[in-house]
N, C-alpha and C. Protein backbone atom coordinates (compact mmCIF):
# COMPACT_ATOMS: atom_id res chain seq x y z
N UNK A 1 4.32 -7.55 19.00
CA UNK A 1 3.64 -6.36 19.60
C UNK A 1 2.76 -5.68 18.48
N UNK A 2 1.74 -5.42 19.06
CA UNK A 2 0.54 -4.56 17.96
C UNK A 2 0.47 -3.38 17.97
N UNK A 3 0.22 -3.11 16.60
CA UNK A 3 0.25 -1.60 16.25
C UNK A 3 -1.25 -1.39 15.73
N UNK A 4 -1.61 -0.30 16.25
CA UNK A 4 -2.77 0.20 15.44
C UNK A 4 -2.94 1.55 14.97
N UNK A 5 -3.34 1.73 13.81
CA UNK A 5 -3.30 3.41 13.28
C UNK A 5 -4.79 3.85 12.96
N UNK A 6 -4.87 4.79 13.17
CA UNK A 6 -6.34 5.48 12.81
C UNK A 6 -6.04 6.32 11.63
N UNK A 7 -6.76 6.04 10.54
CA UNK A 7 -6.20 6.81 9.41
C UNK A 7 -7.83 7.28 8.71
N UNK A 8 -7.28 8.55 8.02
CA UNK A 8 -8.52 8.86 7.08
C UNK A 8 -7.87 9.19 5.56
N UNK A 9 -8.85 9.61 4.72
CA UNK A 9 -8.61 9.89 3.64
C UNK A 9 -7.85 8.53 2.62
N UNK A 10 -8.22 7.87 2.88
CA UNK A 10 -7.44 6.56 1.95
C UNK A 10 -8.06 6.37 0.82
N UNK A 11 -7.10 6.57 -0.11
CA UNK A 11 -7.17 6.42 -1.65
C UNK A 11 -6.27 5.14 -2.56
N UNK A 12 -6.96 4.44 -3.15
CA UNK A 12 -6.51 3.47 -3.92
C UNK A 12 -6.63 3.81 -5.39
N UNK A 13 -5.47 4.07 -5.89
CA UNK A 13 -5.43 4.41 -7.31
C UNK A 13 -4.83 3.47 -8.15
N UNK A 14 -5.48 2.63 -9.05
CA UNK A 14 -5.31 1.43 -9.98
C UNK A 14 -5.05 1.72 -11.03
N UNK A 15 -4.04 0.98 -11.70
CA UNK A 15 -4.30 1.15 -13.22
C UNK A 15 -3.71 -0.33 -13.86
N UNK A 16 -4.13 -0.54 -14.85
CA UNK A 16 -3.32 -2.12 -15.79
C UNK A 16 -1.97 -1.79 -15.81
N UNK A 17 -1.32 -2.55 -15.80
CA UNK A 17 -0.01 -2.80 -16.26
C UNK A 17 0.43 -4.07 -16.92
N UNK A 18 1.64 -4.28 -17.21
CA UNK A 18 2.04 -5.48 -18.16
C UNK A 18 2.72 -6.61 -17.30
N UNK A 19 2.51 -7.58 -17.65
CA UNK A 19 3.05 -8.88 -16.89
C UNK A 19 4.78 -9.11 -16.82
N UNK A 20 5.10 -8.30 -17.96
CA UNK A 20 6.57 -8.45 -17.71
C UNK A 20 7.35 -7.47 -16.72
N UNK A 21 6.88 -6.34 -16.68
CA UNK A 21 7.00 -5.41 -15.57
C UNK A 21 6.82 -6.00 -14.24
N UNK A 22 5.77 -6.40 -14.06
CA UNK A 22 5.56 -7.01 -12.66
C UNK A 22 6.69 -8.49 -12.35
N UNK A 23 6.55 -8.79 -13.47
CA UNK A 23 7.59 -10.26 -13.34
C UNK A 23 8.93 -9.67 -12.57
N UNK A 24 9.70 -8.72 -13.26
CA UNK A 24 10.69 -8.04 -12.86
C UNK A 24 10.59 -7.35 -11.61
N UNK A 25 9.82 -7.00 -11.23
CA UNK A 25 9.83 -6.20 -9.96
C UNK A 25 9.37 -7.18 -8.66
N UNK A 26 9.09 -8.76 -9.30
CA UNK A 26 8.72 -9.62 -7.79
C UNK A 26 10.11 -10.33 -7.51
N UNK A 27 10.37 -10.57 -6.09
CA UNK A 27 11.12 -11.55 -5.80
C UNK A 27 10.91 -12.86 -5.80
N UNK A 28 11.60 -13.97 -6.01
CA UNK A 28 11.52 -15.22 -6.57
C UNK A 28 10.54 -16.09 -5.30
N UNK A 29 9.39 -16.76 -5.86
CA UNK A 29 8.51 -17.22 -4.85
C UNK A 29 7.35 -16.67 -4.79
N UNK A 30 7.22 -15.74 -5.41
CA UNK A 30 5.83 -14.54 -5.56
C UNK A 30 5.31 -14.69 -6.72
N UNK A 31 4.25 -15.17 -7.34
CA UNK A 31 3.51 -14.70 -8.70
C UNK A 31 2.41 -13.70 -8.76
N UNK A 32 2.65 -13.28 -10.09
CA UNK A 32 1.64 -12.29 -10.30
C UNK A 32 0.54 -12.66 -10.33
N UNK A 33 -0.70 -11.94 -9.74
CA UNK A 33 -2.14 -12.15 -9.38
C UNK A 33 -2.47 -11.07 -10.16
N UNK A 34 -4.24 -12.29 -11.07
CA UNK A 34 -4.82 -10.84 -11.76
C UNK A 34 -5.77 -10.50 -10.66
N UNK A 35 -6.45 -9.34 -10.76
CA UNK A 35 -7.64 -8.76 -9.98
C UNK A 35 -8.77 -8.47 -11.36
N UNK A 36 -9.92 -9.58 -11.11
CA UNK A 36 -10.87 -9.36 -11.96
C UNK A 36 -10.33 -9.51 -13.60
N UNK A 37 -9.56 -10.32 -13.50
CA UNK A 37 -8.96 -10.64 -14.84
C UNK A 37 -8.00 -9.57 -15.51
N UNK A 38 -7.37 -8.60 -14.76
CA UNK A 38 -6.14 -7.52 -15.10
C UNK A 38 -5.33 -7.84 -13.91
N UNK A 39 -4.10 -7.48 -14.36
CA UNK A 39 -2.85 -7.52 -13.64
C UNK A 39 -3.06 -5.88 -13.50
N UNK A 40 -2.80 -5.69 -12.19
CA UNK A 40 -2.92 -3.98 -11.64
C UNK A 40 -1.75 -3.79 -10.93
N UNK A 41 -1.28 -2.35 -10.97
CA UNK A 41 -0.27 -1.58 -10.12
C UNK A 41 -1.05 -0.61 -9.49
N UNK A 42 -0.86 -0.75 -8.12
CA UNK A 42 -1.91 0.79 -7.49
C UNK A 42 -0.58 1.90 -6.55
N UNK A 43 -1.13 3.03 -6.69
CA UNK A 43 -0.77 3.73 -5.81
C UNK A 43 -1.49 3.99 -4.75
N UNK A 44 -1.40 3.81 -3.43
CA UNK A 44 -2.10 3.83 -2.34
C UNK A 44 -1.89 5.22 -1.10
N UNK A 45 -2.56 6.05 -0.89
CA UNK A 45 -2.40 7.16 -0.11
C UNK A 45 -3.12 7.34 1.00
N UNK A 46 -2.63 7.51 2.25
CA UNK A 46 -3.50 8.11 3.24
C UNK A 46 -3.02 8.55 4.22
N UNK A 47 -3.37 9.40 5.44
CA UNK A 47 -3.00 10.20 6.62
C UNK A 47 -3.46 9.40 7.59
N UNK A 48 -2.24 9.21 8.57
CA UNK A 48 -2.44 8.55 9.71
C UNK A 48 -2.31 9.66 10.84
N UNK A 49 -3.66 9.38 11.51
CA UNK A 49 -4.33 10.37 12.19
C UNK A 49 -3.14 10.44 13.69
N UNK A 50 -3.10 9.11 13.98
CA UNK A 50 -2.48 8.86 15.20
C UNK A 50 -2.58 7.31 15.60
N UNK A 51 -2.07 7.03 16.76
CA UNK A 51 -2.26 5.59 17.23
C UNK A 51 -1.07 4.87 17.85
N UNK A 52 -1.17 3.83 18.25
CA UNK A 52 -0.02 3.17 19.24
C UNK A 52 0.71 2.23 18.49
N UNK A 53 2.07 1.63 19.15
CA UNK A 53 2.42 0.82 18.99
C UNK A 53 2.94 0.58 20.02
N UNK A 54 2.44 -0.84 20.29
CA UNK A 54 2.16 -1.28 21.86
C UNK A 54 1.68 -0.14 23.02
N UNK A 55 2.76 0.28 23.90
CA UNK A 55 2.26 1.30 24.51
C UNK A 55 2.54 2.80 24.13
N UNK A 56 3.51 3.21 22.83
CA UNK A 56 3.72 4.15 22.16
C UNK A 56 3.12 4.50 21.37
N UNK A 57 2.88 5.99 21.81
CA UNK A 57 1.88 6.88 20.56
C UNK A 57 2.71 6.58 19.17
N UNK A 58 2.01 6.82 18.13
CA UNK A 58 2.51 7.21 16.91
C UNK A 58 2.10 8.43 16.47
N UNK A 59 2.70 9.11 16.20
CA UNK A 59 3.03 10.97 15.54
C UNK A 59 1.99 10.62 13.90
N UNK A 60 1.49 11.73 13.74
CA UNK A 60 0.55 11.88 12.63
C UNK A 60 1.80 11.78 11.46
N UNK A 61 1.07 11.12 10.12
CA UNK A 61 2.02 11.47 9.27
C UNK A 61 1.43 10.99 7.76
N UNK A 62 2.03 11.05 6.54
CA UNK A 62 1.15 10.74 5.52
C UNK A 62 2.33 9.68 4.90
N UNK A 63 1.33 8.92 4.18
CA UNK A 63 2.01 7.76 3.64
C UNK A 63 1.46 7.61 1.92
N UNK A 64 2.54 7.26 1.19
CA UNK A 64 2.26 7.07 -0.08
C UNK A 64 2.67 5.64 -0.37
N UNK A 65 2.50 4.66 -1.02
CA UNK A 65 3.36 3.40 -1.50
C UNK A 65 2.57 2.58 -3.02
N UNK A 66 3.41 2.01 -3.35
CA UNK A 66 3.56 1.37 -4.89
C UNK A 66 3.40 0.08 -4.34
N UNK A 67 2.40 -0.72 -5.14
CA UNK A 67 1.85 -1.78 -4.54
C UNK A 67 1.43 -2.73 -6.38
N UNK A 68 1.76 -4.07 -6.09
CA UNK A 68 1.19 -4.98 -7.08
C UNK A 68 0.40 -6.03 -6.40
N UNK A 69 -0.34 -6.87 -6.84
CA UNK A 69 -0.72 -8.10 -6.43
C UNK A 69 -0.07 -9.59 -6.59
N UNK A 70 0.14 -10.33 -5.91
CA UNK A 70 0.66 -11.86 -6.11
C UNK A 70 0.30 -12.32 -5.69
N UNK A 71 0.44 -13.77 -5.77
CA UNK A 71 0.24 -14.99 -4.86
C UNK A 71 1.35 -15.61 -4.08
N UNK A 72 1.51 -16.40 -2.82
CA UNK A 72 2.37 -16.87 -2.62
C UNK A 72 1.98 -18.09 -1.89
N UNK A 73 2.44 -19.46 -2.18
CA UNK A 73 1.71 -20.71 -1.92
C UNK A 73 0.20 -20.48 -1.95
N UNK A 74 -0.49 -20.10 -3.02
CA UNK A 74 -1.75 -19.88 -3.38
C UNK A 74 -2.59 -18.89 -2.63
N UNK A 75 -1.88 -18.06 -1.53
CA UNK A 75 -2.66 -17.38 -0.97
C UNK A 75 -2.50 -15.92 -1.49
N UNK A 76 -3.46 -14.70 -1.83
CA UNK A 76 -3.58 -13.53 -2.37
C UNK A 76 -2.94 -12.61 -1.40
N UNK A 77 -1.94 -11.73 -1.78
CA UNK A 77 -1.22 -11.11 -1.37
C UNK A 77 -0.99 -9.40 -2.07
N UNK A 78 -0.31 -8.65 -1.30
CA UNK A 78 0.17 -7.08 -1.84
C UNK A 78 1.16 -7.42 -1.84
N UNK A 79 1.86 -6.87 -2.81
CA UNK A 79 3.63 -6.70 -2.84
C UNK A 79 3.93 -5.13 -2.74
N UNK A 80 4.64 -4.56 -1.57
CA UNK A 80 4.91 -3.31 -1.65
C UNK A 80 6.09 -3.01 -2.02
N UNK A 81 6.38 -2.48 -3.48
CA UNK A 81 7.82 -1.97 -4.39
C UNK A 81 8.13 -1.22 -3.51
N UNK A 82 7.47 -0.11 -3.01
CA UNK A 82 8.10 1.10 -2.18
C UNK A 82 7.06 1.79 -1.49
N UNK A 83 8.07 2.25 -0.25
CA UNK A 83 6.83 2.87 0.45
C UNK A 83 7.58 4.23 0.87
N UNK A 84 6.84 5.59 0.79
CA UNK A 84 7.31 6.87 1.21
C UNK A 84 6.51 7.41 2.15
N UNK A 85 7.16 7.93 3.41
CA UNK A 85 6.42 9.02 4.47
C UNK A 85 6.97 9.72 4.42
N UNK A 86 5.57 10.89 5.40
CA UNK A 86 6.39 12.19 6.04
C UNK A 86 7.24 11.88 7.25
N UNK A 87 7.89 13.18 8.15
CA UNK A 87 8.89 12.61 8.98
C UNK A 87 7.93 11.90 10.12
N UNK A 88 6.70 12.41 10.39
CA UNK A 88 6.19 11.45 11.46
C UNK A 88 6.21 10.09 11.36
N UNK A 89 6.14 9.38 10.09
CA UNK A 89 6.23 8.07 9.89
C UNK A 89 7.77 7.21 9.88
N UNK A 90 8.62 8.14 9.92
CA UNK A 90 10.08 7.68 10.15
C UNK A 90 10.72 6.59 11.35
N UNK A 91 9.73 7.14 12.73
CA UNK A 91 10.14 6.13 13.79
C UNK A 91 9.80 4.69 13.49
N UNK A 92 8.69 4.52 12.44
CA UNK A 92 8.54 3.09 12.36
C UNK A 92 9.48 2.12 11.86
N UNK A 93 10.72 2.73 11.14
CA UNK A 93 11.78 2.27 10.86
C UNK A 93 12.27 1.43 11.97
N UNK A 94 12.07 1.62 12.96
CA UNK A 94 13.00 1.06 14.16
C UNK A 94 11.84 -0.43 14.20
N UNK A 95 10.81 -0.73 14.01
CA UNK A 95 10.12 -1.61 14.14
C UNK A 95 10.14 -2.52 12.74
N UNK A 96 10.83 -2.03 11.77
CA UNK A 96 10.75 -2.62 10.97
C UNK A 96 10.33 -2.19 9.55
N UNK A 97 9.67 -1.23 9.46
CA UNK A 97 8.92 -0.87 8.19
C UNK A 97 10.10 -0.28 7.08
N UNK A 98 9.59 -0.51 6.27
CA UNK A 98 10.66 0.03 4.89
C UNK A 98 10.37 1.29 4.46
N UNK A 99 10.55 2.36 5.09
CA UNK A 99 9.89 3.69 4.58
C UNK A 99 11.53 4.30 4.42
N UNK A 100 11.01 5.15 3.47
CA UNK A 100 11.93 6.56 2.94
C UNK A 100 11.27 7.43 3.42
N UNK A 101 11.91 8.79 3.50
CA UNK A 101 10.98 10.15 3.94
C UNK A 101 11.00 10.71 2.18
N UNK A 102 9.85 11.37 2.48
CA UNK A 102 9.48 12.15 1.05
C UNK A 102 8.21 13.50 1.72
N UNK A 103 8.53 14.40 0.52
CA UNK A 103 7.39 15.49 0.87
C UNK A 103 6.33 15.34 -0.16
N UNK A 104 5.14 14.83 0.92
CA UNK A 104 3.99 14.52 0.41
C UNK A 104 2.58 15.17 1.16
N UNK A 105 1.79 15.20 0.47
CA UNK A 105 0.28 16.08 1.11
C UNK A 105 -0.88 14.65 0.49
N UNK A 106 -1.89 14.81 1.69
CA UNK A 106 -2.92 13.86 1.46
C UNK A 106 -3.96 14.61 1.81
N UNK A 107 -4.77 14.75 1.25
CA UNK A 107 -6.27 15.63 1.44
C UNK A 107 -7.37 14.77 1.15
N UNK A 108 -8.51 14.95 1.19
CA UNK A 108 -9.92 14.45 1.31
C UNK A 108 -10.18 14.39 -0.31
N UNK A 109 -9.60 15.29 -1.28
CA UNK A 109 -9.94 15.21 -2.54
C UNK A 109 -8.68 15.22 -3.49
N UNK A 110 -7.28 15.26 -2.79
CA UNK A 110 -6.12 15.08 -3.70
C UNK A 110 -5.03 14.35 -3.17
N UNK A 111 -4.13 14.13 -3.76
CA UNK A 111 -2.73 13.57 -2.92
C UNK A 111 -1.70 14.41 -4.30
N UNK A 112 -0.47 14.98 -3.44
CA UNK A 112 0.64 15.20 -4.17
C UNK A 112 1.99 15.03 -3.38
N UNK A 113 2.99 14.51 -4.63
CA UNK A 113 4.10 14.51 -3.79
C UNK A 113 5.14 15.00 -5.48
N UNK A 114 5.47 16.26 -4.96
CA UNK A 114 5.95 17.03 -6.20
C UNK A 114 7.30 16.17 -6.60
N UNK A 115 8.52 15.80 -5.63
CA UNK A 115 9.53 14.86 -5.50
C UNK A 115 9.27 13.67 -6.21
N UNK A 116 8.18 13.22 -6.09
CA UNK A 116 7.95 11.84 -6.73
C UNK A 116 7.21 11.62 -8.08
N UNK A 117 7.03 12.92 -8.42
CA UNK A 117 5.88 13.34 -9.82
C UNK A 117 4.55 12.62 -9.45
N UNK A 118 4.36 12.78 -8.22
CA UNK A 118 2.51 12.38 -8.03
C UNK A 118 1.69 13.61 -8.04
N UNK A 119 0.79 13.48 -8.79
CA UNK A 119 -0.38 14.34 -8.63
C UNK A 119 -1.93 13.80 -8.71
N UNK A 120 -2.64 13.86 -8.05
CA UNK A 120 -4.26 13.11 -8.16
C UNK A 120 -5.12 14.03 -7.74
N UNK A 121 -6.03 14.34 -8.30
CA UNK A 121 -7.20 15.17 -7.83
C UNK A 121 -8.42 14.33 -8.22
N UNK A 122 -9.38 14.61 -7.43
CA UNK A 122 -10.69 13.57 -8.06
C UNK A 122 -11.86 14.17 -7.24
N UNK A 123 -12.88 13.80 -7.47
CA UNK A 123 -14.33 13.50 -6.40
C UNK A 123 -14.92 12.97 -6.33
N UNK A 124 -15.35 12.55 -5.07
CA UNK A 124 -15.90 11.45 -4.60
C UNK A 124 -17.38 11.16 -4.73
N UNK A 125 -17.85 10.05 -5.65
CA UNK A 125 -18.96 9.72 -5.95
C UNK A 125 -20.08 8.56 -5.01
N UNK A 126 -20.89 7.84 -5.41
CA UNK A 126 -21.43 6.82 -4.88
C UNK A 126 -20.87 5.60 -3.94
N UNK A 127 -21.31 5.16 -3.52
CA UNK A 127 -20.81 3.45 -2.78
C UNK A 127 -20.30 2.82 -3.66
N UNK A 128 -19.30 2.11 -3.38
CA UNK A 128 -18.55 1.14 -3.94
C UNK A 128 -18.21 -0.32 -3.31
N UNK A 129 -18.20 -1.19 -3.86
CA UNK A 129 -17.84 -2.63 -3.47
C UNK A 129 -16.36 -2.92 -3.80
N UNK A 130 -15.06 -2.71 -2.91
CA UNK A 130 -13.60 -2.48 -3.20
C UNK A 130 -13.14 -3.99 -3.67
N UNK A 131 -13.93 -4.70 -3.48
CA UNK A 131 -13.33 -5.99 -3.73
C UNK A 131 -12.24 -6.81 -3.20
N UNK A 132 -11.28 -7.47 -4.14
CA UNK A 132 -10.44 -7.98 -3.48
C UNK A 132 -9.22 -6.62 -2.94
N UNK A 133 -9.49 -5.97 -3.93
CA UNK A 133 -8.49 -4.43 -3.42
C UNK A 133 -8.71 -3.85 -2.02
N UNK A 134 -9.88 -4.35 -1.49
CA UNK A 134 -9.82 -3.67 -0.11
C UNK A 134 -10.01 -4.71 0.87
N UNK A 135 -9.58 -6.14 0.45
CA UNK A 135 -9.84 -7.27 1.33
C UNK A 135 -8.41 -7.96 1.51
N UNK A 136 -7.27 -7.93 0.85
CA UNK A 136 -6.21 -8.47 1.09
C UNK A 136 -5.74 -8.25 2.37
N UNK A 137 -5.11 -9.25 3.06
CA UNK A 137 -4.56 -9.41 4.44
C UNK A 137 -3.31 -9.55 4.59
N UNK A 138 -2.50 -10.46 3.64
CA UNK A 138 -1.18 -10.52 3.94
C UNK A 138 -0.56 -9.54 3.04
N UNK A 139 0.70 -8.63 3.60
CA UNK A 139 1.38 -7.99 3.28
C UNK A 139 2.99 -8.51 3.19
N UNK A 140 3.36 -8.06 1.90
CA UNK A 140 4.87 -8.59 1.61
C UNK A 140 5.84 -7.74 1.03
N UNK A 141 7.16 -7.73 1.88
CA UNK A 141 8.04 -6.45 0.98
C UNK A 141 9.25 -6.90 1.00
N UNK A 142 10.40 -6.86 0.31
CA UNK A 142 11.50 -6.91 0.55
C UNK A 142 12.67 -5.90 1.45
N UNK A 143 13.17 -6.45 2.73
CA UNK A 143 14.24 -5.95 3.21
C UNK A 143 15.17 -6.42 3.99
N UNK A 144 16.60 -6.80 3.16
CA UNK A 144 17.00 -7.90 3.98
C UNK A 144 16.49 -9.21 3.88
N UNK A 145 15.86 -9.54 2.61
CA UNK A 145 15.14 -10.68 2.19
C UNK A 145 13.57 -10.41 2.54
N UNK A 146 12.90 -11.33 2.03
CA UNK A 146 11.53 -10.78 2.11
C UNK A 146 10.47 -11.22 3.49
N UNK A 147 9.96 -10.12 3.73
CA UNK A 147 9.43 -10.06 5.06
C UNK A 147 7.89 -10.22 4.76
N UNK A 148 6.98 -10.34 5.46
CA UNK A 148 5.73 -10.39 5.67
C UNK A 148 4.72 -10.00 6.95
N UNK A 149 3.65 -9.60 6.91
CA UNK A 149 2.87 -8.93 8.05
C UNK A 149 1.62 -9.23 7.74
N UNK A 150 0.62 -9.31 8.57
CA UNK A 150 -0.84 -9.49 8.32
C UNK A 150 -1.52 -7.98 8.95
N UNK A 151 -2.24 -7.46 8.01
CA UNK A 151 -3.18 -6.19 8.13
C UNK A 151 -4.57 -6.78 8.61
N UNK A 152 -4.97 -6.25 9.46
CA UNK A 152 -6.53 -6.03 10.39
C UNK A 152 -7.06 -4.63 9.91
N UNK A 153 -8.03 -4.82 8.79
CA UNK A 153 -8.84 -3.54 8.35
C UNK A 153 -10.04 -3.28 9.34
N UNK A 154 -10.57 -2.16 9.87
CA UNK A 154 -11.45 -1.98 10.55
C UNK A 154 -12.79 -1.43 9.37
N UNK A 155 -13.88 -1.08 9.92
CA UNK A 155 -14.88 -1.13 9.13
C UNK A 155 -14.44 0.25 7.96
N UNK A 156 -14.75 0.25 6.96
CA UNK A 156 -14.63 1.37 5.99
C UNK A 156 -15.87 1.64 4.95
N UNK A 157 -16.33 2.89 4.74
CA UNK A 157 -17.17 3.18 4.04
C UNK A 157 -16.78 3.57 2.69
N UNK A 158 -16.60 2.72 1.82
CA UNK A 158 -15.73 2.98 0.23
C UNK A 158 -16.69 3.42 -0.37
N UNK A 159 -16.44 4.32 -1.26
CA UNK A 159 -16.89 5.06 -2.47
C UNK A 159 -16.01 5.02 -4.03
N UNK A 160 -17.14 5.34 -4.87
CA UNK A 160 -16.33 5.58 -5.94
C UNK A 160 -15.50 6.56 -6.21
N UNK A 161 -14.44 6.98 -6.98
CA UNK A 161 -13.99 8.40 -6.94
C UNK A 161 -13.43 8.73 -8.36
N UNK A 162 -13.66 9.75 -8.74
CA UNK A 162 -13.24 9.90 -10.47
C UNK A 162 -12.30 11.34 -10.60
N UNK A 163 -11.31 11.13 -11.34
CA UNK A 163 -10.08 12.01 -11.49
C UNK A 163 -11.08 13.24 -11.96
N UNK A 164 -10.38 14.13 -11.08
CA UNK A 164 -11.04 15.98 -11.78
C UNK A 164 -9.75 16.48 -13.23
N UNK A 165 -8.98 15.73 -12.95
CA UNK A 165 -7.63 16.33 -14.02
C UNK A 165 -6.59 14.83 -14.12
N UNK A 166 -5.65 15.27 -14.92
CA UNK A 166 -5.05 14.17 -15.67
C UNK A 166 -4.00 14.06 -14.45
N UNK A 167 -3.79 12.63 -14.05
CA UNK A 167 -3.09 11.82 -13.00
C UNK A 167 -1.69 11.54 -13.38
N UNK A 168 -0.91 12.27 -12.24
CA UNK A 168 0.55 12.24 -12.78
C UNK A 168 0.89 10.66 -11.78
N UNK A 169 1.69 10.13 -12.42
CA UNK A 169 2.10 8.86 -11.57
C UNK A 169 3.47 8.22 -11.84
N UNK A 170 4.31 9.29 -11.89
CA UNK A 170 5.75 8.92 -12.14
C UNK A 170 6.30 8.01 -10.87
N UNK A 171 5.87 8.18 -9.98
CA UNK A 171 6.59 7.27 -8.59
C UNK A 171 6.38 5.83 -9.43
N UNK A 172 5.21 5.26 -9.87
CA UNK A 172 5.16 4.30 -10.41
C UNK A 172 6.17 3.87 -11.58
N UNK A 173 6.43 4.75 -12.36
CA UNK A 173 7.48 4.30 -13.68
C UNK A 173 8.53 4.02 -12.83
N UNK A 174 9.02 5.02 -11.66
CA UNK A 174 10.10 5.37 -11.22
C UNK A 174 10.80 3.51 -10.34
N UNK A 175 9.32 2.98 -10.11
CA UNK A 175 9.76 1.31 -9.78
C UNK A 175 9.47 0.56 -10.49
N UNK A 176 9.41 0.75 -11.85
CA UNK A 176 9.57 -0.29 -12.67
C UNK A 176 8.11 -0.70 -12.81
N UNK A 177 6.93 0.20 -12.49
CA UNK A 177 5.72 -0.54 -12.95
C UNK A 177 4.97 0.22 -13.75
N UNK A 178 4.98 0.42 -15.08
CA UNK A 178 4.29 1.31 -15.72
C UNK A 178 2.80 1.36 -15.76
N UNK A 179 2.05 2.51 -15.23
CA UNK A 179 0.64 2.33 -15.47
C UNK A 179 0.32 2.50 -16.82
N UNK A 180 -1.22 2.18 -17.30
CA UNK A 180 -1.76 2.09 -18.62
C UNK A 180 -2.82 2.69 -18.48
N UNK A 181 -3.36 3.58 -19.17
CA UNK A 181 -4.86 3.90 -19.31
C UNK A 181 -5.19 5.05 -18.02
N UNK A 182 -6.52 4.94 -17.71
CA UNK A 182 -6.60 5.99 -16.84
C UNK A 182 -7.16 5.10 -15.32
N UNK A 183 -6.63 5.99 -14.30
CA UNK A 183 -7.21 5.43 -13.15
C UNK A 183 -8.26 4.77 -12.70
N UNK A 184 -8.40 3.60 -11.99
CA UNK A 184 -9.64 3.34 -10.97
C UNK A 184 -9.48 3.76 -9.58
N UNK A 185 -10.56 4.54 -8.83
CA UNK A 185 -10.30 5.13 -7.83
C UNK A 185 -11.05 4.70 -6.63
N UNK A 186 -10.67 4.16 -5.46
CA UNK A 186 -11.51 3.83 -4.45
C UNK A 186 -11.16 4.93 -3.38
N UNK A 187 -11.95 5.03 -2.31
CA UNK A 187 -11.83 6.47 -1.19
C UNK A 187 -12.61 5.87 -0.22
N UNK A 188 -11.75 6.36 1.03
CA UNK A 188 -12.49 5.68 2.30
C UNK A 188 -12.24 6.99 3.36
N UNK A 189 -13.40 7.39 3.71
CA UNK A 189 -12.89 9.02 4.91
C UNK A 189 -11.99 8.08 5.89
N UNK A 190 -12.45 7.19 6.55
CA UNK A 190 -11.90 6.95 7.86
C UNK A 190 -11.89 5.33 7.89
N UNK A 191 -10.59 4.80 8.66
CA UNK A 191 -10.75 3.33 9.07
C UNK A 191 -9.64 3.25 9.81
N UNK A 192 -9.42 1.72 10.40
CA UNK A 192 -8.14 1.72 11.40
C UNK A 192 -7.63 0.38 10.63
N UNK A 193 -6.32 0.61 11.04
CA UNK A 193 -5.21 -0.51 10.48
C UNK A 193 -4.63 -1.14 11.69
N UNK A 194 -4.51 -2.57 12.02
CA UNK A 194 -4.10 -3.16 12.72
C UNK A 194 -2.96 -4.40 12.28
N UNK A 195 -1.85 -4.48 12.73
CA UNK A 195 -0.88 -5.15 12.85
C UNK A 195 0.15 -5.61 13.76
N UNK A 196 0.98 -6.59 13.45
CA UNK A 196 1.88 -6.92 14.74
C UNK A 196 3.37 -6.52 14.12
N UNK A 197 4.17 -5.97 14.76
CA UNK A 197 5.55 -5.41 14.73
C UNK A 197 6.44 -6.42 15.36
N UNK A 198 7.48 -6.58 14.77
CA UNK A 198 8.06 -6.22 13.75
C UNK A 198 7.60 -7.26 12.60
N UNK A 199 7.63 -7.03 11.24
CA UNK A 199 7.40 -7.86 10.43
C UNK A 199 8.32 -9.29 10.12
N UNK A 200 7.84 -10.60 9.63
CA UNK A 200 8.23 -11.72 10.19
C UNK A 200 8.87 -11.86 8.86
N UNK A 201 10.10 -12.60 9.09
CA UNK A 201 11.00 -12.96 7.95
C UNK A 201 10.32 -14.27 7.38
N UNK A 202 10.23 -13.96 5.94
CA UNK A 202 9.43 -15.15 5.45
C UNK A 202 10.74 -16.58 5.21
N UNK A 203 10.18 -17.64 5.67
CA UNK A 203 11.01 -18.96 5.55
C UNK A 203 11.41 -19.23 3.88
N UNK A 204 12.78 -19.41 3.88
CA UNK A 204 13.13 -19.54 2.49
C UNK A 204 13.21 -21.29 2.47
N UNK A 205 12.58 -21.92 2.88
CA UNK A 205 12.44 -23.29 2.84
C UNK A 205 11.40 -24.01 1.81
N UNK A 206 10.12 -23.18 1.67
CA UNK A 206 9.38 -23.25 0.50
C UNK A 206 8.36 -23.91 1.26
N UNK A 207 8.12 -23.63 2.64
CA UNK A 207 7.28 -24.37 3.16
C UNK A 207 6.21 -23.37 3.54
N UNK A 208 6.31 -21.91 2.87
CA UNK A 208 5.63 -20.46 2.91
C UNK A 208 5.25 -20.30 4.62
N UNK A 209 6.11 -20.70 5.47
CA UNK A 209 5.79 -20.48 6.97
C UNK A 209 6.86 -19.07 7.00
N UNK A 210 6.31 -18.19 8.13
CA UNK A 210 7.17 -17.05 8.46
C UNK A 210 7.80 -17.28 9.63
N UNK A 211 8.98 -16.60 10.11
CA UNK A 211 10.01 -16.82 11.14
C UNK A 211 9.86 -15.17 11.32
N UNK A 212 9.50 -15.29 13.12
CA UNK A 212 9.24 -13.83 13.88
C UNK A 212 10.65 -13.10 13.62
N UNK A 213 10.83 -12.07 13.55
CA UNK A 213 11.99 -11.47 13.83
C UNK A 213 11.92 -10.74 15.01
N UNK A 214 13.29 -10.16 15.69
CA UNK A 214 13.43 -9.11 16.48
C UNK A 214 13.42 -9.90 17.74
């Protein structure tokens, strides 16, 4: 079943991290991958304006996720360590999404989640090339084993962004991925995400294939 989400205020905040922490966060079969010669961890936030899952409408909600970057069978991928959503996103759990509820706000120049220790304010500058951070298609997460899904993103007008104050990223610390230094920020005002639900269960036979669930 196809899911389509209309997204605004997409923010990717990335920090360098250490290989030992990433290694502890990854399940067997995944290898940490460098992005432009660095190991990165990212907080990604966005507001879903609406969409559809099959014929069902999607309610508006905010999402914040913690992720790092990996390879599986030589394919680059995003590994989602934790994902938090506001109330409108919770129905996605019926389709296999690994969401937990949190109070968070996503605006055009800020992201806040007080209960998670997240505070990020920024201003948007000129055009940017997101590189691999904006091109990954394979997503992976753990939920009763390793699951996978493919993300198709619509056009996005990527911009550079700069923090306007100290960034708080305790959410990353809480999932065992300590950020180092200052964040690197990318911002897109609007885009579309498409994927198939439910996520596929990754085969444990070492072939890199996936088995559909549901």
